[in-house]
Amino acid sequence: MDAQAELFHARKSVEEVEEGVILAPKFDKDGLIPVVTTDHASGELLMHAYMNAEALRKTLELGEAVYWSRSRGVLWHKGATSGLVQIVKEIRIDDDQDCIWLRVDVQGGASCHVGYRSCFYRSVPFGNAVGGELRFEETEKVFDPLAVYGDAPNPTKL
């Protein structure tokens, strides 16, 4: 039996998936599962990403966040380039096992490649303010992306 088969079980019944003790993640048609990542101590939402089976397996093995980069089509060990490694403190999976929640300790204090602590650094106007400008909720960057990444292309595609 291979390592992946040992870690991830087949999804046999709703009862087993929702009330059982086996890990049977439901990857989508592209082989991905969404991941929300928060700060372990504060609960602050840091980022949203995806994992494939290999990224989830490596995260479980290393105790550090490893994602799947949809834009680059490669595994993405968070912090491998920047040093802003996410040390996993807790992993949770939702009721039907189709979404993962990582609670992490961020080395270096930032998770966003733009330099902010959180990838969710702007708020969107709603209600009477619909159509207004985005508002920056974080105004100071934790690091300078140019100093960390150089003039490398942005890791995300438009």
N, C-alpha and C. Protein backbone atom coordinates (compact mmCIF):
# COMPACT_ATOMS: atom_id res chain seq x y z
N MET A 1 0.85 -1.18 0.00
CA MET A 1 0.00 0.00 0.00
C MET A 1 0.89 1.24 0.00
N ASP A 2 0.63 2.21 -0.90
CA ASP A 2 1.47 3.39 -0.96
C ASP A 2 1.12 4.38 0.16
N ALA A 3 2.03 5.35 0.38
CA ALA A 3 1.88 6.29 1.49
C ALA A 3 0.60 7.10 1.39
N GLN A 4 0.23 7.50 0.17
CA GLN A 4 -0.99 8.29 0.00
C GLN A 4 -2.22 7.46 0.37
N ALA A 5 -2.24 6.22 -0.02
CA ALA A 5 -3.38 5.36 0.31
C ALA A 5 -3.48 5.16 1.82
N GLU A 6 -2.35 5.13 2.51
CA GLU A 6 -2.36 4.98 3.96
C GLU A 6 -2.91 6.23 4.65
N LEU A 7 -2.63 7.40 4.10
CA LEU A 7 -3.07 8.65 4.71
C LEU A 7 -4.52 8.98 4.40
N PHE A 8 -4.92 8.82 3.15
CA PHE A 8 -6.24 9.22 2.71
C PHE A 8 -7.08 7.99 2.39
N HIS A 9 -8.21 7.91 3.02
CA HIS A 9 -9.10 6.76 2.83
C HIS A 9 -10.14 7.04 1.76
N ALA A 10 -10.71 5.97 1.23
CA ALA A 10 -11.81 6.09 0.28
C ALA A 10 -13.03 6.62 1.02
N ARG A 11 -13.84 7.36 0.31
CA ARG A 11 -15.07 7.93 0.87
C ARG A 11 -16.18 6.90 0.67
N LYS A 12 -16.49 6.14 1.71
CA LYS A 12 -17.43 5.03 1.59
C LYS A 12 -18.86 5.40 1.91
N SER A 13 -19.07 6.27 2.90
CA SER A 13 -20.44 6.65 3.25
C SER A 13 -20.44 8.04 3.86
N VAL A 14 -21.57 8.71 3.77
CA VAL A 14 -21.72 10.03 4.36
C VAL A 14 -21.46 9.95 5.87
N GLU A 15 -22.00 8.94 6.49
CA GLU A 15 -21.84 8.79 7.94
C GLU A 15 -20.37 8.67 8.32
N GLU A 16 -19.63 7.86 7.56
CA GLU A 16 -18.22 7.67 7.87
C GLU A 16 -17.43 8.96 7.65
N VAL A 17 -17.74 9.68 6.57
CA VAL A 17 -17.04 10.93 6.25
C VAL A 17 -17.36 12.00 7.29
N GLU A 18 -18.63 12.13 7.65
CA GLU A 18 -19.05 13.21 8.54
C GLU A 18 -18.93 12.90 10.02
N GLU A 19 -19.02 11.64 10.41
CA GLU A 19 -19.01 11.29 11.83
C GLU A 19 -17.89 10.33 12.21
N GLY A 20 -17.14 9.86 11.22
CA GLY A 20 -16.09 8.87 11.48
C GLY A 20 -14.76 9.50 11.83
N VAL A 21 -13.75 8.65 11.96
CA VAL A 21 -12.43 9.09 12.38
C VAL A 21 -11.36 8.95 11.28
N ILE A 22 -11.79 8.64 10.07
CA ILE A 22 -10.83 8.49 8.98
C ILE A 22 -10.70 9.79 8.19
N LEU A 23 -9.51 10.02 7.66
CA LEU A 23 -9.27 11.17 6.80
C LEU A 23 -9.57 10.75 5.36
N ALA A 24 -10.63 11.33 4.80
CA ALA A 24 -11.05 11.01 3.44
C ALA A 24 -11.37 12.31 2.71
N PRO A 25 -10.33 13.13 2.43
CA PRO A 25 -10.58 14.43 1.82
C PRO A 25 -11.22 14.31 0.44
N LYS A 26 -12.10 15.27 0.15
CA LYS A 26 -12.77 15.30 -1.15
C LYS A 26 -12.09 16.36 -2.01
N PHE A 27 -11.25 15.91 -2.91
CA PHE A 27 -10.59 16.80 -3.84
C PHE A 27 -11.54 17.06 -5.01
N ASP A 28 -11.50 18.27 -5.58
CA ASP A 28 -12.41 18.59 -6.67
C ASP A 28 -11.97 17.93 -7.98
N LYS A 29 -12.65 18.25 -9.07
CA LYS A 29 -12.37 17.61 -10.37
C LYS A 29 -10.95 17.87 -10.86
N ASP A 30 -10.31 18.94 -10.33
CA ASP A 30 -8.93 19.25 -10.68
C ASP A 30 -7.94 18.66 -9.68
N GLY A 31 -8.47 17.89 -8.72
CA GLY A 31 -7.60 17.28 -7.71
C GLY A 31 -7.20 18.22 -6.59
N LEU A 32 -7.99 19.28 -6.38
CA LEU A 32 -7.64 20.29 -5.38
C LEU A 32 -8.68 20.38 -4.28
N ILE A 33 -8.23 20.86 -3.12
CA ILE A 33 -9.10 21.11 -1.99
C ILE A 33 -8.75 22.52 -1.47
N PRO A 34 -9.77 23.37 -1.20
CA PRO A 34 -9.48 24.71 -0.70
C PRO A 34 -8.97 24.68 0.73
N VAL A 35 -8.11 25.65 1.04
CA VAL A 35 -7.50 25.76 2.37
C VAL A 35 -7.62 27.21 2.83
N VAL A 36 -8.15 27.40 4.04
CA VAL A 36 -8.10 28.72 4.67
C VAL A 36 -7.04 28.64 5.75
N THR A 37 -6.25 29.70 5.86
CA THR A 37 -5.14 29.71 6.81
C THR A 37 -5.29 30.91 7.73
N THR A 38 -5.24 30.63 9.04
CA THR A 38 -5.35 31.69 10.03
C THR A 38 -4.17 31.65 10.98
N ASP A 39 -3.95 32.77 11.66
CA ASP A 39 -2.92 32.84 12.68
C ASP A 39 -3.39 32.02 13.89
N HIS A 40 -2.54 31.15 14.37
CA HIS A 40 -2.90 30.26 15.47
C HIS A 40 -3.27 31.03 16.74
N ALA A 41 -2.53 32.08 17.05
CA ALA A 41 -2.75 32.81 18.30
C ALA A 41 -3.93 33.77 18.22
N SER A 42 -4.00 34.56 17.15
CA SER A 42 -5.01 35.62 17.07
C SER A 42 -6.29 35.21 16.35
N GLY A 43 -6.21 34.19 15.50
CA GLY A 43 -7.37 33.80 14.70
C GLY A 43 -7.51 34.61 13.42
N GLU A 44 -6.62 35.57 13.20
CA GLU A 44 -6.67 36.43 12.02
C GLU A 44 -6.58 35.61 10.73
N LEU A 45 -7.45 35.90 9.78
CA LEU A 45 -7.41 35.25 8.48
C LEU A 45 -6.20 35.75 7.72
N LEU A 46 -5.34 34.82 7.31
CA LEU A 46 -4.11 35.19 6.62
C LEU A 46 -4.20 34.99 5.11
N MET A 47 -4.76 33.86 4.70
CA MET A 47 -4.79 33.58 3.26
C MET A 47 -5.73 32.44 2.93
N HIS A 48 -6.00 32.31 1.65
CA HIS A 48 -6.77 31.20 1.09
C HIS A 48 -5.92 30.63 -0.04
N ALA A 49 -5.85 29.32 -0.11
CA ALA A 49 -5.07 28.67 -1.16
C ALA A 49 -5.69 27.31 -1.44
N TYR A 50 -4.97 26.48 -2.18
CA TYR A 50 -5.43 25.13 -2.50
C TYR A 50 -4.31 24.14 -2.23
N MET A 51 -4.70 22.91 -1.99
CA MET A 51 -3.75 21.81 -1.89
C MET A 51 -4.21 20.70 -2.81
N ASN A 52 -3.25 19.99 -3.38
CA ASN A 52 -3.57 18.71 -4.01
C ASN A 52 -3.17 17.63 -3.00
N ALA A 53 -3.32 16.37 -3.34
CA ALA A 53 -3.03 15.30 -2.39
C ALA A 53 -1.56 15.34 -1.94
N GLU A 54 -0.66 15.63 -2.86
CA GLU A 54 0.76 15.66 -2.50
C GLU A 54 1.06 16.81 -1.54
N ALA A 55 0.46 17.98 -1.78
CA ALA A 55 0.68 19.12 -0.88
C ALA A 55 0.14 18.83 0.51
N LEU A 56 -1.01 18.20 0.59
CA LEU A 56 -1.57 17.84 1.89
C LEU A 56 -0.68 16.82 2.60
N ARG A 57 -0.22 15.83 1.86
CA ARG A 57 0.67 14.82 2.45
C ARG A 57 1.95 15.47 2.97
N LYS A 58 2.56 16.36 2.19
CA LYS A 58 3.80 17.02 2.62
C LYS A 58 3.56 17.92 3.83
N THR A 59 2.41 18.59 3.86
CA THR A 59 2.07 19.42 5.01
C THR A 59 1.98 18.57 6.26
N LEU A 60 1.33 17.42 6.14
CA LEU A 60 1.20 16.51 7.28
C LEU A 60 2.56 15.98 7.73
N GLU A 61 3.43 15.70 6.79
CA GLU A 61 4.76 15.17 7.11
C GLU A 61 5.69 16.22 7.71
N LEU A 62 5.70 17.41 7.10
CA LEU A 62 6.65 18.45 7.50
C LEU A 62 6.21 19.28 8.70
N GLY A 63 4.89 19.42 8.87
CA GLY A 63 4.39 20.34 9.88
C GLY A 63 4.56 21.79 9.46
N GLU A 64 4.74 22.00 8.16
CA GLU A 64 4.82 23.33 7.56
C GLU A 64 3.87 23.35 6.37
N ALA A 65 3.28 24.51 6.10
CA ALA A 65 2.28 24.61 5.03
C ALA A 65 2.91 24.44 3.65
N VAL A 66 2.32 23.52 2.89
CA VAL A 66 2.70 23.31 1.50
C VAL A 66 1.39 23.36 0.71
N TYR A 67 1.35 24.22 -0.29
CA TYR A 67 0.15 24.41 -1.09
C TYR A 67 0.41 23.98 -2.53
N TRP A 68 -0.64 24.04 -3.35
CA TRP A 68 -0.50 23.83 -4.79
C TRP A 68 -0.73 25.18 -5.45
N SER A 69 0.23 25.65 -6.20
CA SER A 69 0.09 26.91 -6.92
C SER A 69 -0.64 26.65 -8.23
N ARG A 70 -1.87 27.13 -8.32
CA ARG A 70 -2.64 26.95 -9.56
C ARG A 70 -2.04 27.76 -10.70
N SER A 71 -1.50 28.93 -10.42
CA SER A 71 -0.96 29.77 -11.48
C SER A 71 0.35 29.22 -12.03
N ARG A 72 1.17 28.60 -11.18
CA ARG A 72 2.45 28.07 -11.63
C ARG A 72 2.42 26.58 -11.90
N GLY A 73 1.39 25.89 -11.37
CA GLY A 73 1.27 24.45 -11.59
C GLY A 73 2.35 23.65 -10.88
N VAL A 74 2.74 24.10 -9.67
CA VAL A 74 3.78 23.41 -8.90
C VAL A 74 3.43 23.42 -7.42
N LEU A 75 4.08 22.52 -6.66
CA LEU A 75 3.96 22.57 -5.21
C LEU A 75 4.59 23.87 -4.73
N TRP A 76 4.04 24.43 -3.66
CA TRP A 76 4.48 25.72 -3.14
C TRP A 76 4.67 25.59 -1.64
N HIS A 77 5.92 25.36 -1.23
CA HIS A 77 6.25 25.28 0.20
C HIS A 77 6.32 26.72 0.69
N LYS A 78 5.30 27.15 1.41
CA LYS A 78 5.18 28.55 1.83
C LYS A 78 6.42 28.96 2.62
N GLY A 79 7.07 30.01 2.15
CA GLY A 79 8.25 30.53 2.83
C GLY A 79 9.57 30.00 2.32
N ALA A 80 9.55 29.06 1.37
CA ALA A 80 10.80 28.50 0.85
C ALA A 80 11.69 29.58 0.23
N THR A 81 11.08 30.57 -0.42
CA THR A 81 11.83 31.66 -1.02
C THR A 81 11.97 32.84 -0.07
N SER A 82 10.88 33.21 0.59
CA SER A 82 10.85 34.42 1.42
C SER A 82 11.33 34.22 2.84
N GLY A 83 11.32 32.98 3.33
CA GLY A 83 11.64 32.72 4.73
C GLY A 83 10.43 32.87 5.64
N LEU A 84 9.27 33.24 5.07
CA LEU A 84 8.05 33.44 5.85
C LEU A 84 7.28 32.12 5.95
N VAL A 85 7.94 31.13 6.54
CA VAL A 85 7.40 29.78 6.66
C VAL A 85 6.19 29.78 7.60
N GLN A 86 5.21 28.97 7.27
CA GLN A 86 4.04 28.81 8.12
C GLN A 86 4.18 27.49 8.87
N ILE A 87 4.46 27.57 10.17
CA ILE A 87 4.57 26.39 11.02
C ILE A 87 3.15 25.99 11.43
N VAL A 88 2.74 24.79 11.07
CA VAL A 88 1.38 24.34 11.34
C VAL A 88 1.25 23.98 12.82
N LYS A 89 0.25 24.58 13.46
CA LYS A 89 -0.06 24.29 14.85
C LYS A 89 -1.28 23.39 14.96
N GLU A 90 -2.18 23.48 13.99
CA GLU A 90 -3.38 22.65 14.00
C GLU A 90 -3.94 22.58 12.58
N ILE A 91 -4.45 21.40 12.24
CA ILE A 91 -5.13 21.21 10.96
C ILE A 91 -6.53 20.72 11.28
N ARG A 92 -7.51 21.38 10.69
CA ARG A 92 -8.89 20.93 10.83
C ARG A 92 -9.46 20.71 9.43
N ILE A 93 -10.45 19.84 9.38
CA ILE A 93 -11.14 19.57 8.12
C ILE A 93 -12.63 19.73 8.38
N ASP A 94 -13.37 20.26 7.42
CA ASP A 94 -14.79 20.51 7.66
C ASP A 94 -15.59 19.22 7.63
N ASP A 95 -16.89 19.35 7.90
CA ASP A 95 -17.76 18.19 8.11
C ASP A 95 -17.77 17.20 6.95
N ASP A 96 -17.83 17.69 5.71
CA ASP A 96 -17.85 16.74 4.59
C ASP A 96 -16.46 16.58 3.95
N GLN A 97 -15.45 17.06 4.65
CA GLN A 97 -14.04 16.89 4.28
C GLN A 97 -13.70 17.42 2.89
N ASP A 98 -14.28 18.61 2.57
CA ASP A 98 -13.93 19.21 1.29
C ASP A 98 -13.31 20.60 1.45
N CYS A 99 -12.86 20.92 2.66
CA CYS A 99 -12.18 22.18 2.93
C CYS A 99 -11.29 22.00 4.15
N ILE A 100 -10.09 22.55 4.08
CA ILE A 100 -9.12 22.43 5.16
C ILE A 100 -8.88 23.80 5.80
N TRP A 101 -8.70 23.77 7.11
CA TRP A 101 -8.37 24.98 7.87
C TRP A 101 -7.03 24.74 8.55
N LEU A 102 -6.04 25.56 8.18
CA LEU A 102 -4.74 25.50 8.83
C LEU A 102 -4.64 26.64 9.84
N ARG A 103 -4.20 26.31 11.04
CA ARG A 103 -3.87 27.31 12.04
C ARG A 103 -2.36 27.29 12.17
N VAL A 104 -1.73 28.44 11.89
CA VAL A 104 -0.27 28.47 11.75
C VAL A 104 0.38 29.56 12.59
N ASP A 105 1.68 29.38 12.79
CA ASP A 105 2.55 30.40 13.36
C ASP A 105 3.43 30.84 12.20
N VAL A 106 3.29 32.10 11.80
CA VAL A 106 4.02 32.61 10.64
C VAL A 106 5.38 33.13 11.05
N GLN A 107 6.41 32.50 10.55
CA GLN A 107 7.78 32.97 10.78
C GLN A 107 7.98 34.24 9.96
N GLY A 108 8.43 35.32 10.57
CA GLY A 108 8.65 36.56 9.84
C GLY A 108 7.44 37.48 9.84
N GLY A 109 6.28 37.00 10.32
CA GLY A 109 5.14 37.87 10.53
C GLY A 109 4.26 38.21 9.35
N ALA A 110 4.50 37.64 8.16
CA ALA A 110 3.66 37.97 7.01
C ALA A 110 3.35 36.71 6.21
N SER A 111 2.21 36.73 5.55
CA SER A 111 1.82 35.61 4.69
C SER A 111 1.58 36.03 3.25
N CYS A 112 1.47 37.31 3.01
CA CYS A 112 1.11 37.80 1.67
C CYS A 112 2.35 38.14 0.86
N HIS A 113 2.40 37.67 -0.38
CA HIS A 113 3.56 37.96 -1.24
C HIS A 113 3.67 39.44 -1.60
N VAL A 114 2.62 40.22 -1.34
CA VAL A 114 2.64 41.65 -1.62
C VAL A 114 3.35 42.41 -0.48
N GLY A 115 3.56 41.72 0.65
CA GLY A 115 4.29 42.32 1.76
C GLY A 115 3.46 42.58 3.00
N TYR A 116 2.14 42.47 2.88
CA TYR A 116 1.28 42.67 4.04
C TYR A 116 1.24 41.40 4.88
N ARG A 117 0.79 41.54 6.12
CA ARG A 117 0.68 40.39 7.02
C ARG A 117 -0.31 39.38 6.47
N SER A 118 -1.48 39.86 6.06
CA SER A 118 -2.56 39.01 5.57
C SER A 118 -2.81 39.30 4.10
N CYS A 119 -3.25 38.30 3.37
CA CYS A 119 -3.64 38.52 1.98
C CYS A 119 -4.95 39.30 1.89
N PHE A 120 -5.67 39.38 3.01
CA PHE A 120 -6.95 40.09 3.05
C PHE A 120 -6.74 41.48 3.67
N TYR A 121 -5.96 42.31 2.98
CA TYR A 121 -5.58 43.61 3.51
C TYR A 121 -6.48 44.76 3.07
N ARG A 122 -7.51 44.46 2.24
CA ARG A 122 -8.44 45.49 1.79
C ARG A 122 -9.88 45.07 2.07
N SER A 123 -10.73 46.04 2.33
CA SER A 123 -12.15 45.74 2.52
C SER A 123 -12.93 46.25 1.30
N VAL A 124 -14.05 45.59 1.06
CA VAL A 124 -14.89 45.88 -0.11
C VAL A 124 -16.13 46.64 0.37
N PRO A 125 -16.44 47.79 -0.26
CA PRO A 125 -17.62 48.55 0.13
C PRO A 125 -18.91 47.79 -0.19
N PHE A 126 -19.87 47.88 0.70
CA PHE A 126 -21.16 47.22 0.48
C PHE A 126 -22.27 48.12 1.01
N GLY A 127 -23.51 47.69 0.84
CA GLY A 127 -24.64 48.50 1.28
C GLY A 127 -24.71 49.79 0.50
N ASN A 128 -24.85 50.90 1.17
CA ASN A 128 -24.95 52.21 0.50
C ASN A 128 -23.65 52.63 -0.17
N ALA A 129 -22.56 51.98 0.18
CA ALA A 129 -21.25 52.36 -0.37
C ALA A 129 -20.84 51.50 -1.57
N VAL A 130 -21.75 50.62 -2.07
CA VAL A 130 -21.40 49.75 -3.21
C VAL A 130 -20.88 50.60 -4.35
N GLY A 131 -19.82 50.13 -4.98
CA GLY A 131 -19.22 50.87 -6.09
C GLY A 131 -18.11 51.80 -5.65
N GLY A 132 -17.95 51.94 -4.34
CA GLY A 132 -16.87 52.78 -3.84
C GLY A 132 -15.53 52.09 -3.97
N GLU A 133 -14.50 52.77 -3.57
CA GLU A 133 -13.14 52.22 -3.67
C GLU A 133 -12.86 51.22 -2.56
N LEU A 134 -11.98 50.28 -2.85
CA LEU A 134 -11.50 49.36 -1.82
C LEU A 134 -10.79 50.17 -0.75
N ARG A 135 -10.89 49.72 0.49
CA ARG A 135 -10.25 50.43 1.60
C ARG A 135 -9.13 49.55 2.17
N PHE A 136 -7.96 50.13 2.31
CA PHE A 136 -6.83 49.41 2.88
C PHE A 136 -7.01 49.31 4.39
N GLU A 137 -7.09 48.09 4.89
CA GLU A 137 -7.20 47.84 6.33
C GLU A 137 -5.82 47.66 6.94
N GLU A 138 -4.86 47.28 6.13
CA GLU A 138 -3.46 47.24 6.53
C GLU A 138 -2.76 48.28 5.69
N THR A 139 -2.01 49.15 6.31
CA THR A 139 -1.35 50.22 5.55
C THR A 139 0.16 50.10 5.55
N GLU A 140 0.70 49.24 6.41
CA GLU A 140 2.15 49.07 6.47
C GLU A 140 2.52 47.65 6.10
N LYS A 141 3.47 47.54 5.21
CA LYS A 141 3.94 46.22 4.81
C LYS A 141 4.92 45.68 5.84
N VAL A 142 4.91 44.37 6.01
CA VAL A 142 5.83 43.71 6.93
C VAL A 142 7.20 43.57 6.30
N PHE A 143 7.21 43.41 4.97
CA PHE A 143 8.48 43.28 4.25
C PHE A 143 8.34 43.89 2.87
N ASP A 144 9.47 44.16 2.24
CA ASP A 144 9.51 44.72 0.89
C ASP A 144 9.62 43.57 -0.11
N PRO A 145 8.56 43.32 -0.89
CA PRO A 145 8.58 42.20 -1.83
C PRO A 145 9.74 42.28 -2.84
N LEU A 146 10.10 43.47 -3.26
CA LEU A 146 11.20 43.62 -4.22
C LEU A 146 12.52 43.15 -3.59
N ALA A 147 12.73 43.46 -2.32
CA ALA A 147 13.96 43.04 -1.64
C ALA A 147 13.97 41.52 -1.44
N VAL A 148 12.81 40.92 -1.23
CA VAL A 148 12.74 39.48 -0.99
C VAL A 148 12.75 38.68 -2.28
N TYR A 149 11.92 39.09 -3.24
CA TYR A 149 11.75 38.32 -4.47
C TYR A 149 12.51 38.89 -5.67
N GLY A 150 13.07 40.08 -5.52
CA GLY A 150 13.75 40.72 -6.64
C GLY A 150 12.73 41.13 -7.68
N ASP A 151 13.15 41.13 -8.91
CA ASP A 151 12.21 41.52 -9.97
C ASP A 151 11.59 40.28 -10.62
N ALA A 152 11.55 39.20 -9.84
CA ALA A 152 10.91 37.98 -10.33
C ALA A 152 9.45 38.28 -10.64
N PRO A 153 8.89 37.55 -11.59
CA PRO A 153 7.49 37.79 -11.92
C PRO A 153 6.58 37.53 -10.71
N ASN A 154 5.50 38.27 -10.68
CA ASN A 154 4.49 38.09 -9.64
C ASN A 154 4.07 36.63 -9.64
N PRO A 155 4.00 35.99 -8.45
CA PRO A 155 3.65 34.57 -8.42
C PRO A 155 2.21 34.26 -8.79
N THR A 156 1.40 35.28 -8.99
CA THR A 156 0.03 35.05 -9.42
C THR A 156 -0.16 35.64 -10.80
N LYS A 157 -1.07 35.06 -11.55
CA LYS A 157 -1.38 35.57 -12.89
C LYS A 157 -2.69 36.31 -12.86
N LEU A 158 -2.78 37.32 -13.67
CA LEU A 158 -4.05 38.05 -13.78
C LEU A 158 -5.04 37.29 -14.61
